Protein backbone atom coordinates (compact mmCIF):
# COMPACT_ATOMS: atom_id res chain seq x y z
CA MET A 1 -14.55 0.65 1.91
CA ALA A 2 -12.53 1.09 -1.32
CA ALA A 3 -10.65 4.19 -1.98
CA TRP A 4 -8.42 5.48 -4.76
CA VAL A 5 -5.23 7.48 -5.16
CA TYR A 6 -4.99 9.53 -8.48
CA ILE A 7 -2.68 11.63 -10.34
CA LEU A 8 -4.10 14.36 -12.70
CA ARG A 9 -2.13 16.12 -15.41
CA CYS A 10 -3.31 19.63 -15.50
CA ALA A 11 -3.39 21.96 -18.61
CA ASP A 12 -0.15 23.64 -17.51
CA GLY A 13 1.65 20.37 -17.40
CA SER A 14 1.69 20.19 -13.54
CA TYR A 15 0.44 17.25 -11.64
CA TYR A 16 -2.09 16.96 -8.93
CA VAL A 17 -2.34 14.09 -6.38
CA GLY A 18 -5.36 13.29 -4.51
CA CYS A 19 -7.53 10.42 -2.95
CA THR A 20 -11.17 9.72 -2.77
CA THR A 21 -13.81 7.15 -1.99
CA ASN A 22 -15.82 8.01 -5.09
CA LEU A 23 -13.56 8.33 -7.93
CA GLU A 24 -16.13 9.03 -10.72
CA GLN A 25 -17.70 11.88 -8.79
CA ARG A 26 -14.39 13.47 -7.71
CA ILE A 27 -12.88 13.44 -11.35
CA ALA A 28 -16.12 15.04 -12.46
CA GLN A 29 -15.69 17.81 -9.75
CA HIS A 30 -12.20 18.35 -10.92
CA HIS A 31 -13.41 18.68 -14.60
CA ALA A 32 -16.03 21.00 -13.66
CA GLY A 33 -13.97 23.17 -11.45
CA THR A 34 -16.63 22.77 -8.64
CA PHE A 35 -14.12 23.33 -5.86
CA THR A 36 -11.82 26.36 -5.81
CA GLY A 37 -8.31 24.99 -5.43
CA TYR A 38 -5.36 23.83 -7.44
CA THR A 39 -7.02 22.11 -10.43
CA SER A 40 -9.88 24.69 -10.85
CA SER A 41 -7.49 27.22 -12.39
CA ARG A 42 -5.48 24.54 -14.38
CA ARG A 43 -8.33 22.94 -16.43
CA PRO A 44 -8.74 20.99 -18.53
CA ILE A 45 -7.30 18.16 -16.58
CA GLU A 46 -6.75 14.42 -17.50
CA VAL A 47 -6.49 11.34 -15.40
CA ALA A 48 -2.90 10.20 -15.60
CA TRP A 49 -2.84 7.38 -13.06
CA VAL A 50 -5.17 5.62 -10.55
CA SER A 51 -4.59 3.03 -7.69
CA GLU A 52 -7.29 1.32 -5.84
CA HIS A 53 -6.81 0.45 -2.13
CA GLN A 54 -9.12 -1.53 0.11
CA MET A 55 -8.78 0.83 3.11
CA ILE A 56 -9.16 4.56 3.13
CA ARG A 57 -6.13 4.87 5.54
CA ASP A 58 -3.89 3.13 2.85
CA ALA A 59 -5.08 5.44 0.17
CA ILE A 60 -4.45 8.67 2.35
CA ALA A 61 -0.92 7.31 3.15
CA ALA A 62 -0.21 6.63 -0.40
CA GLU A 63 -1.48 10.08 -1.42
CA ARG A 64 0.87 11.63 1.25
CA GLN A 65 3.78 9.77 0.16
CA ILE A 66 3.27 10.48 -3.73
CA LYS A 67 2.66 14.18 -2.99
CA ARG A 68 6.32 14.44 -1.56
CA TRP A 69 7.77 12.72 -4.60
CA SER A 70 9.75 14.58 -7.44
CA ARG A 71 8.17 15.12 -10.72
CA ALA A 72 10.37 12.50 -12.18
CA LYS A 73 9.27 9.88 -9.79
CA LYS A 74 5.61 10.67 -10.32
CA GLU A 75 6.11 10.32 -14.04
CA ALA A 76 7.72 6.88 -13.46
CA VAL A 77 4.64 5.99 -11.48
CA ILE A 78 2.37 7.09 -14.40
CA ARG A 79 4.46 5.05 -16.88
CA ARG A 80 4.16 2.17 -14.31
CA ASP A 81 8.03 1.95 -14.42
CA TRP A 82 8.38 0.44 -10.99
CA ASP A 83 12.01 -0.47 -11.49
CA ALA A 84 13.01 3.19 -12.00
CA LEU A 85 11.47 4.25 -8.56
CA PRO A 86 14.53 3.29 -6.31
CA GLY A 87 16.96 5.26 -8.56
CA LEU A 88 14.62 8.23 -8.48
CA SER A 89 14.35 8.35 -4.77
CA ALA A 90 15.91 11.32 -2.67
CA ARG A 91 18.76 9.15 -1.62
CA GLY A 92 19.58 7.73 -4.90
CA PHE A 93 18.63 10.42 -7.50
CA GLN A 94 20.41 13.69 -8.18
CA PRO A 95 19.41 15.83 -11.17
CA ALA A 96 22.52 16.91 -13.23
CA SER A 97 22.13 20.39 -11.87
CA LEU A 98 22.57 19.16 -8.27
CA ALA A 99 25.28 16.54 -8.77
CA VAL A 100 28.19 16.86 -6.50
CA ARG A 101 31.20 18.27 -8.37
CA PRO A 102 34.74 17.31 -7.33
CA SER A 103 36.60 20.04 -5.41
CA ARG A 104 38.86 22.33 -7.32
CA ARG A 105 41.34 22.13 -4.69
CA ARG A 106 44.37 19.70 -5.51
CA ARG A 107 44.42 16.69 -3.34
CA ASP A 108 48.14 17.00 -2.63
CA ALA A 109 47.74 20.62 -1.51
CA ALA A 110 45.14 19.48 1.07
CA ALA A 111 47.32 16.70 2.55
CA PRO A 112 49.84 17.38 5.36
CA GLN A 113 53.33 17.64 4.22
CA ASP A 114 56.08 15.57 5.60
CA ASP A 115 59.24 17.58 5.84
CA GLY A 116 61.29 14.51 6.99
CA LEU A 117 62.24 16.12 10.23
CA GLY A 118 60.27 13.77 12.13
């Protein structure tokens, strides 16, 4: 049975990731605000990205993975910029605000001193 993973862009600029076996019906439910939840208070929504999977378990796994991703990584998926994904991974990407800064301590001050007395 086919299943889809999708990313919605909400009116407030946030993203919602979901999966379904009936894409048309599920998107209509998001548009209508049928279910109380994340998107019902952030309408209107627009479909930003969709991926079809042959097995529901694959779609669920993809949904769970994408939900954990950063906004920047989700936006790369939406742009279909697959080459950017490795650089945006948690292990390879640090926003400038989180970048490691060099220590203010002088290196020579931290190194043990040799007084020549042996």
